Protein backbone atom coordinates (compact mmCIF):
# COMPACT_ATOMS: atom_id res chain seq x y z
CA UNK A 1 -47.45 17.75 -23.72
CA UNK A 2 -48.16 19.62 -20.76
CA UNK A 3 -50.65 22.22 -22.03
CA UNK A 4 -51.00 24.09 -19.01
CA UNK A 5 -47.18 25.40 -19.60
CA UNK A 6 -47.10 25.29 -23.08
CA UNK A 7 -49.53 27.88 -25.98
CA UNK A 8 -50.01 25.96 -29.28
CA UNK A 9 -48.65 27.66 -32.03
CA UNK A 10 -50.89 27.44 -35.91
CA UNK A 11 -48.58 27.46 -38.77
CA UNK A 12 -50.38 27.32 -42.58
CA UNK A 13 -49.35 24.12 -43.37
CA UNK A 14 -51.33 21.49 -44.31
CA UNK A 15 -51.33 18.40 -42.52
CA UNK A 16 -49.21 15.21 -43.74
CA UNK A 17 -48.36 12.32 -42.20
CA UNK A 18 -45.27 10.26 -43.55
CA UNK A 19 -45.12 6.83 -42.74
CA UNK A 20 -42.09 4.57 -43.49
CA UNK A 21 -41.32 0.64 -42.73
CA UNK A 22 -38.72 0.03 -40.79
CA UNK A 23 -36.74 -3.23 -39.29
CA UNK A 24 -36.26 -1.86 -35.28
CA UNK A 25 -35.14 -3.49 -31.96
CA UNK A 26 -37.39 -2.13 -29.04
CA UNK A 27 -36.64 -2.30 -25.70
CA UNK A 28 -39.40 -1.29 -23.11
CA UNK A 29 -37.69 -0.76 -19.59
CA UNK A 30 -40.14 -0.75 -15.97
CA UNK A 31 -39.74 0.17 -12.54
CA UNK A 32 -41.11 -3.06 -10.78
CA UNK A 33 -43.42 -2.19 -8.11
CA UNK A 34 -42.95 1.56 -8.95
CA UNK A 35 -46.88 2.32 -8.46
CA UNK A 36 -47.23 0.34 -5.20
CA UNK A 37 -43.96 1.77 -3.67
CA UNK A 38 -45.37 5.43 -4.53
CA UNK A 39 -48.20 5.10 -2.21
CA UNK A 40 -45.84 5.44 0.85
CA UNK A 41 -43.09 7.49 -0.38
CA UNK A 42 -42.51 11.26 -0.49
CA UNK A 43 -42.46 13.59 -4.12
CA UNK A 44 -39.05 14.38 -3.12
CA UNK A 45 -38.07 10.39 -2.98
CA UNK A 46 -40.30 9.81 -5.92
CA UNK A 47 -38.64 12.30 -8.18
CA UNK A 48 -34.87 11.32 -7.32
CA UNK A 49 -36.36 8.00 -9.05
CA UNK A 50 -37.69 9.47 -11.36
CA UNK A 51 -34.51 11.64 -11.95
CA UNK A 52 -32.44 7.97 -12.26
CA UNK A 53 -34.67 7.10 -14.62
CA UNK A 54 -34.02 10.45 -17.20
CA UNK A 55 -30.38 10.13 -16.49
CA UNK A 56 -29.98 6.59 -17.58
CA UNK A 57 -31.44 7.12 -20.49
CA UNK A 58 -29.22 10.08 -21.85
CA UNK A 59 -26.29 8.57 -20.70
CA UNK A 60 -27.59 5.59 -22.72
CA UNK A 61 -28.22 7.86 -25.83
CA UNK A 62 -24.62 8.54 -25.65
CA UNK A 63 -23.49 4.93 -25.66
CA UNK A 64 -25.60 2.42 -26.58
CA UNK A 65 -26.30 4.23 -29.96
CA UNK A 66 -30.40 3.91 -30.04
CA UNK A 67 -32.09 5.97 -32.58
CA UNK A 68 -35.21 6.98 -30.54
CA UNK A 69 -36.11 7.42 -27.28
CA UNK A 70 -39.42 8.23 -25.28
CA UNK A 71 -39.85 8.34 -21.70
CA UNK A 72 -42.92 6.39 -20.30
CA UNK A 73 -43.68 7.84 -16.79
CA UNK A 74 -41.15 5.36 -14.47
CA UNK A 75 -40.11 3.55 -17.45
CA UNK A 76 -38.91 4.02 -21.38
CA UNK A 77 -38.72 2.63 -24.54
CA UNK A 78 -35.64 2.73 -27.13
CA UNK A 79 -35.63 2.34 -30.30
CA UNK A 80 -32.79 0.84 -32.64
CA UNK A 81 -33.53 1.41 -36.49
CA UNK A 82 -31.73 -1.90 -38.02
CA UNK A 83 -30.60 0.55 -41.04
CA UNK A 84 -28.21 2.30 -38.95
CA UNK A 85 -26.55 -0.82 -37.31
CA UNK A 86 -26.18 -3.08 -40.64
CA UNK A 87 -27.81 -5.99 -39.20
CA UNK A 88 -30.17 -7.31 -36.79
CA UNK A 89 -27.56 -9.10 -34.92
CA UNK A 90 -25.88 -5.85 -34.69
CA UNK A 91 -28.68 -3.75 -33.46
CA UNK A 92 -29.61 -6.89 -30.80
CA UNK A 93 -25.91 -6.23 -29.05
CA UNK A 94 -26.84 -2.78 -28.61
CA UNK A 95 -30.00 -3.60 -26.86
CA UNK A 96 -29.02 -6.13 -24.83
CA UNK A 97 -25.47 -4.45 -23.69
CA UNK A 98 -28.16 -0.93 -22.77
CA UNK A 99 -30.02 -3.53 -20.75
CA UNK A 100 -27.88 -4.99 -18.79
CA UNK A 101 -26.25 -1.35 -18.13
CA UNK A 102 -29.78 -0.21 -16.93
CA UNK A 103 -29.66 -3.55 -14.61
CA UNK A 104 -26.14 -2.77 -13.31
CA UNK A 105 -26.31 0.64 -12.78
CA UNK A 106 -29.92 0.90 -11.09
CA UNK A 107 -28.44 -1.61 -8.57
CA UNK A 108 -25.49 0.73 -7.78
CA UNK A 109 -27.93 3.72 -7.50
CA UNK A 110 -30.73 2.11 -5.64
CA UNK A 111 -27.93 0.79 -3.11
CA UNK A 112 -26.60 4.18 -2.33
CA UNK A 113 -30.42 5.74 -1.87
CA UNK A 114 -30.83 6.83 1.51
CA UNK A 115 -34.57 5.40 1.40
CA UNK A 116 -36.17 2.59 0.11
CA UNK A 117 -36.20 2.01 -3.38
CA UNK A 118 -38.64 0.26 -6.18
CA UNK A 119 -37.10 -3.43 -6.74
CA UNK A 120 -35.35 -2.73 -10.23
CA UNK A 121 -36.48 -2.58 -14.03
CA UNK A 122 -37.87 -5.39 -16.13
CA UNK A 123 -37.22 -5.27 -19.62
CA UNK A 124 -38.89 -6.64 -22.55
CA UNK A 125 -36.99 -6.42 -25.66
CA UNK A 126 -38.68 -7.58 -29.37
CA UNK A 127 -37.81 -6.62 -33.02
CA UNK A 128 -39.36 -6.73 -36.40
CA UNK A 129 -40.98 -4.16 -38.80
CA UNK A 130 -42.74 -1.17 -37.72
CA UNK A 131 -43.93 1.62 -39.30
CA UNK A 132 -42.80 5.53 -38.37
CA UNK A 133 -44.96 7.79 -38.55
CA UNK A 134 -43.33 11.77 -38.97
CA UNK A 135 -46.52 13.98 -38.95
CA UNK A 136 -46.41 17.40 -40.25
CA UNK A 137 -49.56 18.95 -38.94
CA UNK A 138 -50.63 22.74 -38.64
CA UNK A 139 -49.38 22.44 -34.84
CA UNK A 140 -45.50 22.30 -35.00
CA UNK A 141 -45.88 21.30 -31.32
CA UNK A 142 -47.62 18.43 -32.16
CA UNK A 143 -44.59 16.95 -34.97
CA UNK A 144 -43.06 14.50 -33.28
CA UNK A 145 -42.44 10.79 -34.62
CA UNK A 146 -43.89 8.06 -33.15
CA UNK A 147 -43.85 4.00 -33.84
CA UNK A 148 -46.63 1.88 -34.78
CA UNK A 149 -46.67 -1.98 -35.01
CA UNK A 150 -46.18 -5.52 -33.46
CA UNK A 151 -42.62 -5.59 -32.19
CA UNK A 152 -44.48 -2.25 -30.23
CA UNK A 153 -47.30 -4.00 -28.98
CA UNK A 154 -45.24 -7.37 -28.27
CA UNK A 155 -42.19 -5.62 -26.32
CA UNK A 156 -44.78 -3.75 -23.90
CA UNK A 157 -46.48 -7.19 -23.07
CA UNK A 158 -43.03 -9.28 -22.68
CA UNK A 159 -42.07 -6.88 -20.34
CA UNK A 160 -44.81 -7.53 -17.68
CA UNK A 161 -43.28 -10.96 -17.60
CA UNK A 162 -40.09 -9.91 -16.14
CA UNK A 163 -39.05 -9.49 -12.71
CA UNK A 164 -36.91 -6.93 -10.88
CA UNK A 165 -33.38 -7.07 -13.10
CA UNK A 166 -35.37 -9.25 -15.11
CA UNK A 167 -34.63 -9.37 -19.28
CA UNK A 168 -37.43 -11.02 -21.75
CA UNK A 169 -36.60 -11.07 -25.28
CA UNK A 170 -39.61 -12.37 -27.61
CA UNK A 171 -38.59 -15.46 -29.99
CA UNK A 172 -36.90 -13.55 -33.07
CA UNK A 173 -34.80 -12.33 -30.75
CA UNK A 174 -34.14 -15.73 -29.19
CA UNK A 175 -33.40 -17.01 -32.18
CA UNK A 176 -30.98 -14.41 -33.45
CA UNK A 177 -29.01 -14.58 -30.01
CA UNK A 178 -29.02 -18.20 -30.52
CA UNK A 179 -27.70 -17.96 -34.03
CA UNK A 180 -24.66 -15.48 -33.41
CA UNK A 181 -24.26 -16.26 -29.59
CA UNK A 182 -20.79 -14.81 -29.46
CA UNK A 183 -21.92 -10.97 -30.79
CA UNK A 184 -25.17 -11.06 -28.88
CA UNK A 185 -24.60 -13.14 -25.79
CA UNK A 186 -21.12 -12.51 -25.31
CA UNK A 187 -20.18 -16.43 -24.87
CA UNK A 188 -16.80 -16.32 -25.15
CA UNK A 189 -16.10 -14.05 -22.03
CA UNK A 190 -16.75 -15.99 -19.07
CA UNK A 191 -17.47 -12.44 -16.84
CA UNK A 192 -19.67 -10.80 -19.59
CA UNK A 193 -21.42 -14.01 -20.89
CA UNK A 194 -25.29 -13.87 -21.08
CA UNK A 195 -27.78 -17.21 -20.95
CA UNK A 196 -30.91 -17.92 -22.33
CA UNK A 197 -33.51 -19.33 -19.74
CA UNK A 198 -36.96 -20.85 -21.09
CA UNK A 199 -39.68 -19.64 -19.05
CA UNK A 200 -41.52 -22.00 -16.55
CA UNK A 201 -45.15 -22.89 -16.65
CA UNK A 202 -46.23 -20.08 -14.90
CA UNK A 203 -44.82 -17.44 -17.21
CA UNK A 204 -46.35 -19.26 -19.89
CA UNK A 205 -49.55 -19.06 -18.41
CA UNK A 206 -49.42 -15.79 -18.06
CA UNK A 207 -48.34 -14.64 -21.18
CA UNK A 208 -50.87 -16.56 -22.82
CA UNK A 209 -53.29 -14.63 -21.52
CA UNK A 210 -51.79 -11.50 -22.79
CA UNK A 211 -53.80 -10.06 -25.93
CA UNK A 212 -52.02 -9.30 -28.84
CA UNK A 213 -48.96 -11.81 -28.75
CA UNK A 214 -48.54 -14.10 -31.04
CA UNK A 215 -48.08 -17.85 -30.87
CA UNK A 216 -44.44 -18.07 -31.57
CA UNK A 217 -43.72 -15.32 -28.77
CA UNK A 218 -46.32 -17.04 -25.88
CA UNK A 219 -44.42 -20.17 -26.30
CA UNK A 220 -40.62 -19.12 -28.15
CA UNK A 221 -40.07 -16.12 -25.82
CA UNK A 222 -36.76 -16.41 -23.25
CA UNK A 223 -35.68 -14.98 -20.28
CA UNK A 224 -31.81 -13.22 -20.52
CA UNK A 225 -29.65 -13.60 -17.52
CA UNK A 226 -26.19 -12.65 -16.76
CA UNK A 227 -24.47 -15.40 -14.31
CA UNK A 228 -21.54 -13.85 -13.23
CA UNK A 229 -23.61 -10.52 -11.93
CA UNK A 230 -26.28 -12.50 -10.96
CA UNK A 231 -24.40 -13.98 -8.34
CA UNK A 232 -22.50 -10.94 -7.25
CA UNK A 233 -25.14 -8.29 -7.05
CA UNK A 234 -28.98 -9.17 -7.60
CA UNK A 235 -28.91 -12.72 -6.81
CA UNK A 236 -32.28 -13.24 -8.93
CA UNK A 237 -32.16 -14.03 -12.70
CA UNK A 238 -35.59 -12.02 -13.38
CA UNK A 239 -37.85 -14.89 -14.02
CA UNK A 240 -41.49 -14.24 -12.07
């Protein structure tokens, strides 16, 4: 909250914070190279790119069924609560669909901009149990839900292992994708099919330096690529 433009109101309510354990799929998306790019860009160019980020999230809310989103500067986090979709497989299906829609739409938008744009989104996807925090405080403007737990931390770290147009999933998501590849990886469609790729040693070494990642995710994370589109559009597999 930007306090210079908002005043805080007080209520007579006592502060109460409710916590609920939930199974979720988490997607972190962040524009690669944005900070360096912004140093040589003017405010109009920067705000145009941020506008693209906001537009993407709003469109995703309509079509890809996420439960929660939060803007994070030049990126955002999306959360699918598994209980809304029945299974982790189904929630992961929607998260993967959203991830590659983010890549595809950004490629088309960046191509039509009148100035050089950041290289593309890097995306990290994780799953597991989190605690949703629902605060009820005596300052109503602060009563916004939030999520805490290992998947929130691991997703943000794995996202850093993705290059432009890259998608990284944690060990648990990789197991789900391999177990139900028809739903998650679209393997029966030669055009839409996704593919899991093992990381090379450089990426694993970098993951090993990240505080908070467990051993399963350090060595068991996977890159996800869309071979058909990779050959036609962004011509990279998203690995660092």
